[in-house]
Amino acid sequence: MNVGGEVKLIKSRLNHLAKNLRTNQTEAEKLLWKHLKSKQLDNTKFRRQQPIGNYIVDFISLDKNLIIELDGGQHAEDNNKDQERDRWLVSQGFKVLRFWNNEVLQNIEGVLESIMGKISPSPSPSPQGRGEEKLSPSTLKGTGGREDNKSKTSPLGLGNKPRMIAWEVTRSCNLNCVHCRAAANCGPYPGELSTDKCFKLIDEIAAVSSPVIILTGGEPLLRPDIFEIAAYGTNKGLRMVMATNGTLVTPAVVKKMMESGIKRVSISIDGKDARSHDAFRQEKGAFAGAMAGIAALKDAGMEFQINTTITSTNLDQIKDILTLAKNIGAAAHHIFLLVPTGRGKDLAAQAITAADYEETLMWFHQESLNCEIQLKATCAPHYFRIMHQNKIKGVEPRKKEGGHFHESTRGCLGGITFCFISHVGQVQPCGYLELNCGNVKEQSFGEIWENSEVFRNLRDYSKYGGKCGKCQFIKVCGGCRARAYEATGDYLSEEPLCLYQPKGC
């Protein structure tokens, strides 16, 4: 057979193999393809299982020269082969992102955030004149094919576009939770955004990026036009999710959620049983109401997750709450470390110690390696430092499937790729860091996001003080800026609940 015939035969075999792979996708590939084919990432077109040279890549955007590969499962390869493959793809002008299968299954929003960071990088150079570094073979060496962005002011290549926004659509609430950052009650609260202003805000957000929008409160279901707002965001191509206490969720409410395009609902469970949860919520029957809401979501096939705020009073129940989350069919369990703001200031004595904090996060990470649902720590940036320390120690072998997160997932994202919008339109780095970065009643969201001095400072790690500023894990962790502010009055100072001592400190 001549050379031309051999090439045709190889190409034919690759095309046949690619076709077989498309019909025998892993669950992780199916989930990621569901999101990629919808063009929700800046209208980018992807193809799946495509031959490139002598390889078949999992997903590719030819317009963006971007390849996405999943590891683990039926086509797992060893580290050397992966690096050889990636070096060749890079030499052909492609950027390569790699994720673990379980990473996709357990943290799809983080994966999409990472991909979006490569699709839509920052259009302007950083203050130090450095934008996102291009992936090169030297970058790949020793990292298992994963990127190592060295930019000091554009963290992890995310381009400083908002990837997630928590929007307090109302501060009114039917409960009186002891830890509430907003100290919310039944209201009414004057100055909340009108329906038309909410629509305008969504337009402004969509003009900047395509973030996940968390409709929160207070209790968002107390807002009469909540489903109009959700539907408007959905029609603008935004992923709309909701955070609720669950007590107002009924089958009729779930139907409206689904009709308006809400994709996931989080419900807070802060105790393993009615006694402990109701005490936390300061409302008898809150646990029963939340469980009834969960049942309504589950019956309708609506994806839901459990959120838990950790204090010293429920620290010994976290394992039981995780078991509960798995038993009731939750897609995820997110833990939140108490930040002493709002009514949470009254719980200062119930805050866990730095040692308990570290131990809890180490346990949570170990659980994530084999847990069948997504586990995520929020307002706990040290978690990502612990993850990276474990990788360095070889705790997560290359071939092992577990709760892996991509390097573009990091700790504190406040003002970097995340922000909070209050019920009266005030934009903040997060709900716990009450620094007024601008108000959408007076400026467009885009103007605030781009020009806020607070946001610019948070994006420049060279301005961080104390041991955070000297820490080699600063881009991975960043420390909780809200806890730093509450402790010192300086949001750029060191995180007060961190045991880790960086080199040179």
Protein backbone atom coordinates (compact mmCIF):
# COMPACT_ATOMS: atom_id res chain seq x y z
CA MET A 1 0.00 0.00 0.00
CA ASN A 2 1.37 3.48 -0.87
CA VAL A 3 1.76 6.28 1.66
CA GLY A 4 -1.40 8.03 0.49
CA GLY A 5 -3.38 4.84 0.94
CA GLU A 6 -2.00 4.32 4.44
CA VAL A 7 -2.95 7.87 5.42
CA LYS A 8 -6.48 7.36 4.13
CA LEU A 9 -6.75 4.06 6.03
CA ILE A 10 -5.54 5.67 9.27
CA LYS A 11 -7.95 8.56 8.80
CA SER A 12 -10.80 6.15 8.11
CA ARG A 13 -10.00 4.15 11.25
CA LEU A 14 -9.81 7.31 13.36
CA ASN A 15 -13.16 8.51 12.04
CA HIS A 16 -14.70 5.12 12.80
CA LEU A 17 -13.23 5.12 16.32
CA ALA A 18 -14.42 8.70 16.90
CA LYS A 19 -17.92 7.70 15.86
CA ASN A 20 -17.87 4.80 18.33
CA LEU A 21 -16.64 7.09 21.10
CA ARG A 22 -19.50 9.52 20.41
CA THR A 23 -22.02 6.73 20.95
CA ASN A 24 -20.28 5.41 24.07
CA GLN A 25 -19.62 8.54 26.08
CA THR A 26 -18.91 8.48 29.80
CA GLU A 27 -21.39 10.18 32.12
CA ALA A 28 -18.92 13.05 32.51
CA GLU A 29 -18.66 13.48 28.74
CA LYS A 30 -22.44 13.45 28.39
CA LEU A 31 -22.85 16.11 31.05
CA LEU A 32 -20.17 18.40 29.65
CA TRP A 33 -21.43 17.94 26.09
CA LYS A 34 -24.93 18.92 27.22
CA HIS A 35 -23.55 22.31 28.27
CA LEU A 36 -21.12 22.79 25.39
CA LYS A 37 -23.56 22.02 22.59
CA SER A 38 -26.03 24.60 23.91
CA LYS A 39 -23.49 27.33 23.02
CA GLN A 40 -24.03 28.92 26.44
CA LEU A 41 -20.32 29.78 26.69
CA ASP A 42 -20.16 33.03 24.71
CA ASN A 43 -21.98 31.32 21.81
CA THR A 44 -18.92 29.13 21.17
CA LYS A 45 -19.41 26.10 18.92
CA PHE A 46 -17.81 22.84 20.07
CA ARG A 47 -17.48 19.44 18.43
CA ARG A 48 -17.06 16.17 20.32
CA GLN A 49 -14.67 13.26 19.74
CA GLN A 50 -12.87 14.75 16.74
CA PRO A 51 -9.73 13.35 15.06
CA ILE A 52 -6.80 15.78 15.16
CA GLY A 53 -3.65 14.37 13.60
CA ASN A 54 -3.22 10.88 15.04
CA TYR A 55 -5.32 11.66 18.10
CA ILE A 56 -9.01 11.87 18.93
CA VAL A 57 -9.75 14.80 21.22
CA ASP A 58 -12.79 14.84 23.48
CA PHE A 59 -14.07 18.34 22.67
CA ILE A 60 -12.78 21.04 20.35
CA SER A 61 -13.67 24.57 19.32
CA LEU A 62 -11.92 25.32 16.04
CA ASP A 63 -12.89 28.98 16.25
CA LYS A 64 -11.16 29.37 19.63
CA ASN A 65 -8.34 26.83 19.00
CA LEU A 66 -9.39 25.23 22.27
CA ILE A 67 -9.33 21.53 23.14
CA ILE A 68 -10.92 20.03 26.26
CA GLU A 69 -9.82 16.60 27.44
CA LEU A 70 -11.31 14.44 30.20
CA ASP A 71 -9.19 12.01 32.21
CA GLY A 72 -10.29 8.81 33.92
CA GLY A 73 -12.66 6.24 32.53
CA GLN A 74 -12.47 4.13 29.39
CA HIS A 75 -9.79 6.16 27.61
CA ALA A 76 -7.47 7.01 30.51
CA GLU A 77 -3.84 7.32 29.52
CA ASP A 78 -0.70 7.52 31.60
CA ASN A 79 0.88 10.85 32.43
CA ASN A 80 3.73 10.62 29.88
CA LYS A 81 1.38 9.88 27.00
CA ASP A 82 -0.88 12.74 28.05
CA GLN A 83 2.06 15.15 28.09
CA GLU A 84 3.31 13.92 24.70
CA ARG A 85 -0.18 14.33 23.27
CA ASP A 86 -0.60 17.80 24.75
CA ARG A 87 2.80 18.99 23.53
CA TRP A 88 1.89 17.99 19.99
CA LEU A 89 -1.51 19.70 20.18
CA VAL A 90 0.09 22.87 21.53
CA SER A 91 2.65 22.78 18.70
CA GLN A 92 -0.32 22.87 16.31
CA GLY A 93 -1.59 26.09 17.91
CA PHE A 94 -4.20 24.67 20.29
CA LYS A 95 -4.81 25.50 23.94
CA VAL A 96 -5.53 22.39 26.02
CA LEU A 97 -7.61 22.14 29.18
CA ARG A 98 -7.82 18.89 31.15
CA PHE A 99 -10.37 17.84 33.75
CA TRP A 100 -11.03 14.68 35.72
CA ASN A 101 -14.29 12.85 35.02
CA ASN A 102 -15.41 13.25 38.62
CA GLU A 103 -14.45 16.90 38.51
CA VAL A 104 -17.03 17.38 35.76
CA LEU A 105 -19.65 15.33 37.60
CA GLN A 106 -19.08 17.02 40.95
CA ASN A 107 -18.22 20.60 39.94
CA ILE A 108 -19.68 21.32 36.50
CA GLU A 109 -20.06 25.02 37.26
CA GLY A 110 -16.37 25.29 38.15
CA VAL A 111 -15.44 23.43 34.97
CA LEU A 112 -17.57 25.74 32.82
CA GLU A 113 -16.01 28.71 34.61
CA SER A 114 -12.55 27.43 33.70
CA ILE A 115 -13.51 26.90 30.06
CA MET A 116 -15.10 30.34 29.86
CA GLY A 117 -11.87 31.83 31.16
CA LYS A 118 -10.10 30.51 28.05
CA ILE A 119 -12.88 31.41 25.65
CA SER A 120 -13.24 34.99 26.84
CA PRO A 121 -10.00 36.27 28.37
CA SER A 122 -9.58 39.83 29.59
CA PRO A 123 -9.62 42.21 26.58
CA SER A 124 -7.15 44.62 28.15
CA PRO A 125 -3.71 44.07 29.72
CA SER A 126 -3.40 43.84 33.45
CA PRO A 127 -2.08 46.81 35.47
CA GLN A 128 1.41 45.33 35.34
CA GLY A 129 1.21 44.91 31.57
CA ARG A 130 0.77 41.15 31.65
CA GLY A 131 -2.25 39.42 30.27
CA GLU A 132 -2.99 35.72 30.22
CA GLU A 133 0.05 33.62 29.37
CA LYS A 134 -0.26 31.27 26.43
CA LEU A 135 -0.02 27.57 27.07
CA SER A 136 3.30 26.17 25.98
CA PRO A 137 5.08 22.82 26.23
CA SER A 138 7.20 24.20 29.07
CA THR A 139 4.03 25.19 30.89
CA LEU A 140 2.77 21.64 30.58
CA LYS A 141 5.91 20.01 31.92
CA GLY A 142 5.40 18.48 35.32
CA THR A 143 1.77 19.57 35.67
CA GLY A 144 -0.01 16.60 34.21
CA GLY A 145 -0.97 18.75 31.24
CA ARG A 146 -2.75 21.35 33.34
CA GLU A 147 -2.10 25.05 33.03
CA ASP A 148 -0.03 27.10 35.43
CA ASN A 149 -0.82 30.76 34.87
CA LYS A 150 1.79 32.98 36.46
CA SER A 151 -0.03 36.31 36.15
CA LYS A 152 -0.06 38.21 39.40
CA THR A 153 -3.05 40.37 38.53
CA SER A 154 -5.17 38.11 36.33
CA PRO A 155 -5.70 35.14 38.67
CA LEU A 156 -5.55 31.76 37.00
CA GLY A 157 -6.42 33.06 33.55
CA LEU A 158 -10.06 33.77 34.33
CA GLY A 159 -9.89 37.18 32.68
CA ASN A 160 -11.67 38.96 35.57
CA LYS A 161 -15.08 38.58 34.01
CA PRO A 162 -17.90 37.71 36.40
CA ARG A 163 -18.59 33.96 36.36
CA MET A 164 -21.06 33.93 39.24
CA ILE A 165 -23.22 36.64 40.82
CA ALA A 166 -25.24 36.31 44.02
CA TRP A 167 -28.22 38.65 43.72
CA GLU A 168 -30.21 39.48 46.84
CA VAL A 169 -33.51 40.12 45.06
CA THR A 170 -35.18 40.90 48.39
CA ARG A 171 -34.11 41.13 52.01
CA SER A 172 -37.51 40.04 53.32
CA CYS A 173 -37.51 36.61 54.95
CA ASN A 174 -40.00 34.38 56.73
CA LEU A 175 -37.34 33.02 59.13
CA ASN A 176 -34.99 34.61 61.66
CA CYS A 177 -31.78 32.60 61.31
CA VAL A 178 -29.16 33.19 63.98
CA HIS A 179 -26.27 33.42 61.49
CA CYS A 180 -27.92 35.62 58.83
CA ARG A 181 -25.43 38.04 57.25
CA ALA A 182 -28.33 40.36 56.33
CA ALA A 183 -30.10 40.19 59.71
CA ALA A 184 -33.19 39.71 57.55
CA ASN A 185 -36.77 39.59 58.77
CA CYS A 186 -40.26 39.94 57.30
CA GLY A 187 -39.66 43.54 56.18
CA PRO A 188 -40.80 45.45 54.20
CA TYR A 189 -37.51 46.92 53.01
CA PRO A 190 -37.71 50.22 51.11
CA GLY A 191 -35.66 50.89 48.00
CA GLU A 192 -35.64 47.40 46.54
CA LEU A 193 -35.21 47.23 42.77
CA SER A 194 -38.36 47.40 40.66
CA THR A 195 -39.17 44.71 38.12
CA ASP A 196 -38.11 46.97 35.24
CA LYS A 197 -34.85 47.83 36.99
CA CYS A 198 -34.21 44.13 37.54
CA PHE A 199 -34.67 43.52 33.82
CA LYS A 200 -32.29 46.39 33.02
CA LEU A 201 -29.72 44.98 35.43
CA ILE A 202 -29.91 41.59 33.72
CA ASP A 203 -29.35 43.31 30.36
CA GLU A 204 -26.27 45.05 31.79
CA ILE A 205 -24.89 41.81 33.24
CA ALA A 206 -25.44 39.93 29.97
CA ALA A 207 -23.55 42.68 28.12
CA VAL A 208 -20.48 41.98 30.27
CA SER A 209 -20.48 38.18 30.59
CA SER A 210 -22.68 35.10 30.93
CA PRO A 211 -22.39 34.29 34.63
CA VAL A 212 -24.43 31.99 36.82
CA ILE A 213 -26.99 34.13 38.65
CA ILE A 214 -27.89 33.00 42.17
CA LEU A 215 -31.29 34.42 43.13
CA THR A 216 -31.03 34.77 46.88
CA GLY A 217 -32.31 36.83 49.80
CA GLY A 218 -33.65 37.08 52.41
CA GLU A 219 -36.04 34.59 50.94
CA PRO A 220 -36.31 35.07 47.15
CA LEU A 221 -39.68 33.33 46.97
CA LEU A 222 -41.20 36.24 48.90
CA ARG A 223 -40.67 38.48 45.88
CA PRO A 224 -43.91 38.40 43.81
CA ASP A 225 -42.14 38.84 40.46
CA ILE A 226 -39.34 36.35 41.14
CA PHE A 227 -40.29 34.01 38.30
CA GLU A 228 -40.57 36.90 35.83
CA ILE A 229 -37.02 37.88 36.80
CA ALA A 230 -35.79 34.29 36.47
CA ALA A 231 -37.45 33.85 33.08
CA TYR A 232 -35.99 37.12 31.81
CA GLY A 233 -32.50 36.01 32.80
CA THR A 234 -33.01 32.61 31.20
CA ASN A 235 -34.11 34.24 27.96
CA LYS A 236 -30.93 36.32 28.02
CA GLY A 237 -28.88 33.12 28.09
CA LEU A 238 -27.91 33.27 31.77
CA ARG A 239 -27.91 30.20 34.02
CA MET A 240 -30.40 31.00 36.77
CA VAL A 241 -30.29 29.17 40.11
CA MET A 242 -31.97 29.88 43.44
CA ALA A 243 -30.97 29.78 47.11
CA THR A 244 -33.94 29.32 49.45
CA ASN A 245 -34.68 28.07 52.95
CA GLY A 246 -37.09 25.60 51.36
CA THR A 247 -40.09 26.25 53.59
CA LEU A 248 -42.08 27.95 50.81
CA VAL A 249 -41.28 25.37 48.15
CA THR A 250 -44.38 23.46 47.03
CA PRO A 251 -45.13 21.41 43.90
CA ALA A 252 -46.79 24.50 42.38
CA VAL A 253 -43.71 26.62 43.15
CA VAL A 254 -41.39 23.99 41.66
CA LYS A 255 -43.49 24.00 38.48
CA LYS A 256 -42.98 27.76 38.18
CA MET A 257 -39.27 27.36 38.85
CA MET A 258 -38.93 24.92 36.00
CA GLU A 259 -41.06 27.01 33.65
CA SER A 260 -38.89 30.06 34.35
CA GLY A 261 -35.70 28.16 33.56
CA ILE A 262 -34.22 27.83 37.05
CA LYS A 263 -31.65 25.03 36.80
CA ARG A 264 -30.75 24.25 40.39
CA VAL A 265 -32.04 25.08 43.86
CA SER A 266 -29.99 25.17 47.05
CA ILE A 267 -31.66 24.59 50.40
CA SER A 268 -29.96 25.30 53.70
CA ILE A 269 -29.82 22.48 56.24
CA ASP A 270 -27.82 23.38 59.35
CA GLY A 271 -28.68 20.48 61.63
CA LYS A 272 -29.01 16.73 61.30
CA ASP A 273 -32.55 16.79 62.71
CA ALA A 274 -35.48 19.08 63.46
CA ARG A 275 -34.27 20.01 66.93
CA SER A 276 -30.88 21.31 65.85
CA HIS A 277 -31.96 22.83 62.53
CA ASP A 278 -34.99 24.63 64.00
CA ALA A 279 -32.82 26.09 66.77
CA PHE A 280 -30.44 27.45 64.15
CA ARG A 281 -33.31 28.89 62.12
CA GLN A 282 -35.17 30.13 65.21
CA GLU A 283 -38.40 28.74 63.80
CA LYS A 284 -40.19 25.58 64.88
CA GLY A 285 -41.10 23.49 61.85
CA ALA A 286 -38.33 24.93 59.66
CA PHE A 287 -36.72 21.51 59.22
CA ALA A 288 -40.01 19.84 58.30
CA GLY A 289 -40.74 22.66 55.87
CA ALA A 290 -37.33 22.38 54.23
CA MET A 291 -37.66 18.61 53.86
CA ALA A 292 -41.12 19.01 52.33
CA GLY A 293 -39.63 21.49 49.87
CA ILE A 294 -36.86 19.04 49.03
CA ALA A 295 -39.43 16.31 48.41
CA ALA A 296 -41.29 18.59 45.99
CA LEU A 297 -38.08 19.33 44.10
CA LYS A 298 -37.09 15.68 43.97
CA ASP A 299 -40.52 14.54 42.78
CA ALA A 300 -40.38 17.04 39.91
CA GLY A 301 -36.84 16.06 38.92
CA MET A 302 -35.40 19.48 39.81
CA GLU A 303 -31.72 19.36 40.74
CA PHE A 304 -31.02 20.54 44.29
CA GLN A 305 -28.09 20.89 46.66
CA ILE A 306 -27.72 21.23 50.42
CA ASN A 307 -25.89 24.20 51.97
CA THR A 308 -24.64 24.07 55.56
CA THR A 309 -23.12 26.86 57.64
CA ILE A 310 -20.63 25.44 60.14
CA THR A 311 -20.35 26.73 63.70
CA SER A 312 -19.13 25.11 66.90
CA THR A 313 -22.73 24.11 67.69
CA ASN A 314 -23.15 21.88 64.64
CA LEU A 315 -19.55 20.95 63.86
CA ASP A 316 -20.05 17.47 65.30
CA GLN A 317 -23.09 16.98 63.01
CA ILE A 318 -21.41 17.69 59.67
CA LYS A 319 -20.82 14.01 58.88
CA ASP A 320 -24.46 13.25 59.63
CA ILE A 321 -25.64 16.18 57.48
CA LEU A 322 -23.48 14.93 54.59
CA THR A 323 -25.03 11.48 54.98
CA LEU A 324 -28.47 13.10 54.98
CA ALA A 325 -27.65 15.03 51.79
CA LYS A 326 -26.64 11.81 50.04
CA ASN A 327 -29.65 9.87 51.30
CA ILE A 328 -32.20 12.44 50.11
CA GLY A 329 -30.71 12.61 46.62
CA ALA A 330 -28.91 15.96 46.68
CA ALA A 331 -26.62 16.70 43.75
CA ALA A 332 -24.16 18.47 46.04
CA HIS A 333 -23.31 19.44 49.59
CA HIS A 334 -21.70 22.86 50.05
CA ILE A 335 -20.33 23.85 53.43
CA PHE A 336 -19.93 27.48 54.48
CA LEU A 337 -17.57 28.62 57.22
CA LEU A 338 -19.24 31.25 59.39
CA VAL A 339 -18.28 34.84 58.58
CA PRO A 340 -19.18 37.12 61.53
CA THR A 341 -21.43 39.68 59.83
CA GLY A 342 -25.07 40.64 60.40
CA ARG A 343 -26.61 38.49 63.14
CA GLY A 344 -23.56 36.27 62.72
CA LYS A 345 -21.62 38.79 64.82
CA ASP A 346 -23.61 37.56 67.81
CA LEU A 347 -22.24 34.08 67.15
CA ALA A 348 -18.58 35.06 67.52
CA ALA A 349 -18.30 32.73 70.49
CA GLN A 350 -19.66 29.89 68.31
CA ALA A 351 -17.12 30.33 65.52
CA ILE A 352 -14.85 27.32 65.18
CA THR A 353 -11.15 27.66 65.93
CA ALA A 354 -8.43 27.81 63.29
CA ALA A 355 -7.43 24.26 64.25
CA ASP A 356 -10.99 22.97 63.87
CA TYR A 357 -11.24 24.87 60.59
CA GLU A 358 -8.14 23.13 59.22
CA GLU A 359 -9.18 19.69 60.46
CA THR A 360 -12.69 20.04 59.04
CA LEU A 361 -11.45 21.09 55.61
CA MET A 362 -8.91 18.25 55.51
CA TRP A 363 -11.69 15.78 56.34
CA PHE A 364 -13.99 17.35 53.74
CA HIS A 365 -11.35 17.07 51.04
CA GLN A 366 -10.71 13.44 51.88
CA GLU A 367 -14.45 12.77 51.62
CA SER A 368 -14.56 14.47 48.22
CA LEU A 369 -12.12 11.98 46.71
CA ASN A 370 -14.69 9.20 46.60
CA CYS A 371 -18.02 10.88 47.30
CA GLU A 372 -20.79 10.27 44.78
CA ILE A 373 -22.09 13.83 45.06
CA GLN A 374 -20.31 17.15 44.57
CA LEU A 375 -18.64 18.53 47.70
CA LYS A 376 -17.58 22.16 47.82
CA ALA A 377 -16.32 24.46 50.55
CA THR A 378 -17.41 28.12 50.35
CA CYS A 379 -16.06 31.04 52.36
CA ALA A 380 -13.27 28.57 53.13
CA PRO A 381 -10.45 29.46 50.73
CA HIS A 382 -7.92 27.37 52.70
CA TYR A 383 -9.67 24.32 51.23
CA PHE A 384 -7.97 24.95 47.91
CA ARG A 385 -4.57 25.37 49.57
CA ILE A 386 -5.13 21.99 51.25
CA MET A 387 -6.03 20.45 47.89
CA HIS A 388 -2.80 21.68 46.34
CA GLN A 389 -0.72 20.59 49.32
CA ASN A 390 -2.17 17.10 48.96
CA LYS A 391 -1.34 17.05 45.26
CA ILE A 392 2.25 17.97 46.06
CA LYS A 393 2.36 15.09 48.59
CA GLY A 394 0.96 12.72 45.98
CA VAL A 395 -2.28 12.13 47.87
CA GLU A 396 -4.14 12.16 44.56
CA PRO A 397 -2.43 9.72 42.21
CA ARG A 398 -2.58 10.48 38.48
CA LYS A 399 -4.82 7.52 37.68
CA LYS A 400 -7.17 7.94 40.60
CA GLU A 401 -10.64 9.32 40.00
CA GLY A 402 -11.80 11.51 42.81
CA GLY A 403 -13.21 14.89 43.68
CA HIS A 404 -10.58 16.74 41.71
CA PHE A 405 -10.89 20.41 40.89
CA HIS A 406 -9.22 22.20 38.01
CA GLU A 407 -6.43 24.62 38.80
CA SER A 408 -8.71 27.47 37.73
CA THR A 409 -10.90 26.74 40.73
CA ARG A 410 -9.63 28.71 43.68
CA GLY A 411 -10.55 30.11 47.07
CA CYS A 412 -11.82 33.65 47.48
CA LEU A 413 -13.25 34.94 44.19
CA GLY A 414 -14.82 38.10 45.63
CA GLY A 415 -14.32 40.96 43.18
CA ILE A 416 -12.33 38.69 40.87
CA THR A 417 -14.89 36.50 39.13
CA PHE A 418 -17.68 36.78 41.71
CA CYS A 419 -19.70 39.61 43.21
CA PHE A 420 -22.84 40.27 45.25
CA ILE A 421 -25.68 42.67 44.43
CA SER A 422 -27.83 43.77 47.37
CA HIS A 423 -31.59 44.26 47.47
CA VAL A 424 -31.11 48.01 46.91
CA GLY A 425 -28.60 47.60 44.07
CA GLN A 426 -25.32 47.95 45.97
CA VAL A 427 -22.52 45.93 44.37
CA GLN A 428 -20.08 44.26 46.79
CA PRO A 429 -17.21 41.76 46.50
CA CYS A 430 -19.42 39.27 48.37
CA GLY A 431 -22.41 39.26 50.68
CA TYR A 432 -20.19 39.18 53.75
CA LEU A 433 -17.86 42.00 52.69
CA GLU A 434 -20.09 45.05 52.86
CA LEU A 435 -17.95 47.45 50.87
CA ASN A 436 -19.94 49.65 48.49
CA CYS A 437 -18.30 49.31 45.09
CA GLY A 438 -21.09 51.20 43.32
CA ASN A 439 -24.86 51.07 42.90
CA VAL A 440 -26.66 49.87 39.78
CA LYS A 441 -29.25 52.61 40.29
CA GLU A 442 -26.50 55.13 39.55
CA GLN A 443 -24.04 53.28 37.30
CA SER A 444 -24.20 50.38 34.90
CA PHE A 445 -23.07 47.03 36.21
CA GLY A 446 -20.27 46.96 33.64
CA GLU A 447 -18.89 50.30 34.79
CA ILE A 448 -18.85 49.14 38.40
CA TRP A 449 -17.26 45.78 37.56
CA GLU A 450 -14.48 47.34 35.50
CA ASN A 451 -13.77 50.51 37.48
CA SER A 452 -14.34 49.78 41.19
CA GLU A 453 -11.17 50.55 43.14
CA VAL A 454 -12.02 47.77 45.61
CA PHE A 455 -12.33 45.23 42.80
CA ARG A 456 -9.08 46.39 41.23
CA ASN A 457 -7.29 46.03 44.56
CA LEU A 458 -8.67 42.53 45.10
CA ARG A 459 -7.37 41.52 41.67
CA ASP A 460 -3.85 42.69 42.47
CA TYR A 461 -2.24 40.20 44.86
CA SER A 462 0.80 42.42 45.29
CA LYS A 463 -1.36 44.61 47.53
CA TYR A 464 -2.28 41.83 49.96
CA GLY A 465 -0.77 42.23 53.42
CA GLY A 466 0.51 40.03 56.22
CA LYS A 467 1.29 36.40 55.61
CA CYS A 468 -1.32 36.20 52.83
CA GLY A 469 0.81 38.57 50.77
CA LYS A 470 3.87 36.36 51.28
CA CYS A 471 2.16 33.00 50.79
CA GLN A 472 3.01 30.76 47.84
CA PHE A 473 -0.64 29.68 47.76
CA ILE A 474 -2.00 33.20 47.34
CA LYS A 475 -3.38 32.53 43.85
CA VAL A 476 -4.92 29.27 45.00
CA CYS A 477 -6.41 30.49 48.28
CA GLY A 478 -6.35 34.26 48.68
CA GLY A 479 -7.71 34.13 52.22
CA CYS A 480 -11.21 35.23 53.20
CA ARG A 481 -11.31 38.97 52.57
CA ALA A 482 -14.48 39.37 54.63
CA ARG A 483 -12.96 37.75 57.71
CA ALA A 484 -9.85 39.89 57.29
CA TYR A 485 -12.00 43.02 57.12
CA GLU A 486 -14.09 42.09 60.16
CA ALA A 487 -10.95 41.36 62.18
CA THR A 488 -8.81 44.35 61.17
CA GLY A 489 -10.85 46.84 59.16
CA ASP A 490 -8.56 46.18 56.17
CA TYR A 491 -9.92 43.86 53.49
CA LEU A 492 -6.39 43.33 52.12
CA SER A 493 -4.91 42.16 55.43
CA GLU A 494 -4.15 38.55 56.29
CA GLU A 495 -6.85 35.95 56.92
CA PRO A 496 -7.21 35.57 60.71
CA LEU A 497 -8.27 31.90 60.72
CA CYS A 498 -5.34 30.35 58.90
CA LEU A 499 -2.85 28.05 60.61
CA TYR A 500 -0.50 27.83 57.65
CA GLN A 501 2.81 29.64 57.98
CA PRO A 502 4.31 30.59 54.59
CA LYS A 503 8.03 30.34 54.06
CA GLY A 504 9.77 33.42 55.40
CA CYS A 505 7.03 34.31 57.90
